[in-house]
Protein backbone atom coordinates (compact mmCIF):
# COMPACT_ATOMS: atom_id res chain seq x y z
CA MET A 1 103.19 -93.85 65.95
CA LEU A 2 103.25 -92.42 69.27
CA GLY A 3 103.97 -95.40 71.61
CA ILE A 4 106.46 -98.25 71.79
CA LYS A 5 106.21 -101.20 69.24
CA LEU A 6 107.86 -104.74 70.09
CA ASN A 7 108.30 -107.13 67.43
CA ARG A 8 110.51 -110.13 66.98
CA GLU A 9 112.39 -110.76 63.79
CA GLY A 10 114.16 -114.13 63.74
CA GLU A 11 116.24 -114.23 66.77
CA ASN A 12 116.14 -110.60 67.71
CA LEU A 13 113.77 -108.50 69.92
CA ILE A 14 112.85 -105.24 67.86
CA ILE A 15 112.03 -102.12 69.59
CA ARG A 16 110.64 -99.27 67.64
CA TRP A 17 109.81 -95.86 69.06
CA GLN A 18 109.52 -92.53 66.86
CA LEU A 19 112.52 -93.12 64.26
CA THR A 20 114.32 -95.25 66.64
CA LYS A 21 114.85 -99.00 65.98
CA ILE A 22 116.91 -100.95 68.47
CA GLU A 23 117.54 -104.98 67.82
CA ILE A 24 118.51 -107.04 70.83
CA PRO A 25 119.36 -110.55 70.41
CA VAL A 26 117.05 -112.87 72.28
CA THR A 27 120.00 -114.96 73.67
CA GLU A 28 121.37 -111.82 75.32
CA ILE A 29 118.17 -110.86 77.49
CA THR A 30 118.78 -111.89 80.87
CA GLU A 31 115.68 -110.17 82.88
CA ILE A 32 112.71 -108.25 82.32
CA THR A 33 111.25 -106.44 85.13
CA LEU A 34 109.20 -103.43 86.23
CA ASP A 35 111.11 -100.47 87.47
CA ASN A 36 109.30 -98.33 89.97
CA THR A 37 111.80 -95.59 90.24
CA TYR A 38 111.40 -92.27 88.70
CA GLY A 39 114.39 -92.20 86.38
CA GLY A 40 115.24 -95.87 86.43
CA SER A 41 117.52 -97.77 88.90
CA ASP A 42 120.17 -98.49 86.19
CA LYS A 43 121.87 -95.15 85.59
CA ASP A 44 123.52 -96.61 82.47
CA ALA A 45 120.57 -97.62 80.65
CA ILE A 46 119.52 -96.89 77.35
CA ARG A 47 116.23 -94.94 77.65
CA ILE A 48 113.43 -95.34 75.24
CA GLY A 49 110.21 -93.33 75.44
CA THR A 50 109.27 -90.15 76.97
CA PRO A 51 109.44 -89.89 80.99
CA TYR A 52 106.93 -87.27 80.94
CA GLY A 53 103.42 -88.17 81.76
CA THR A 54 104.15 -91.95 81.70
CA THR A 55 103.67 -93.95 84.94
CA GLY A 56 105.34 -97.24 84.12
CA ARG A 57 108.89 -98.26 83.33
CA VAL A 58 110.07 -101.70 81.98
CA LEU A 59 113.46 -102.83 82.51
CA ILE A 60 115.23 -105.26 79.99
CA ARG A 61 118.59 -106.29 80.94
CA THR A 62 121.01 -108.02 78.75
CA LYS A 63 124.43 -109.39 79.15
CA GLN A 64 126.25 -106.29 78.28
CA ARG A 65 123.59 -103.36 78.79
CA ALA A 66 120.20 -102.42 80.08
CA TYR A 67 117.20 -100.71 78.08
CA LEU A 68 114.65 -98.79 80.18
CA LEU A 69 111.24 -98.37 78.28
CA PHE A 70 109.08 -95.52 79.61
CA THR A 71 105.23 -96.43 78.89
CA SER A 72 101.84 -95.76 80.24
CA ASP A 73 101.23 -99.50 79.57
CA ALA A 74 104.16 -101.06 81.68
CA GLU A 75 102.25 -104.44 82.40
CA VAL A 76 101.25 -104.83 78.77
CA ILE A 77 104.73 -104.12 77.38
CA LYS A 78 106.31 -106.35 79.95
CA GLY A 79 103.83 -109.10 78.99
CA LYS A 80 104.18 -108.70 75.28
CA THR A 81 108.07 -108.76 75.62
CA GLU A 82 107.88 -112.11 77.47
CA ARG A 83 105.40 -113.68 75.22
CA LEU A 84 107.94 -112.58 72.15
CA LEU A 85 110.76 -114.20 73.95
CA ASN A 86 108.97 -117.52 74.80
CA THR A 87 107.05 -117.95 71.55
CA GLY A 88 108.40 -115.61 68.97
CA SER A 89 105.14 -114.09 68.01
């Protein structure tokens, strides 16, 4: 289990990485974008994944906080997140 795993359980987006499980209510998510900065443009974001050796960053912004996902498959992660929000599968 090396990469970031995304899933949807009911009305929550589930992000799993190593032993971490983060649940984000779907209704709280306001934006999903790619972040091209090295450490992330949002300094208070919760960082998930290892920034070393990865080239892509996906920013999931909610009404209260932001989550920055470090991954080598940023486009894939962004697309899957958008599909999970829209269809639930």
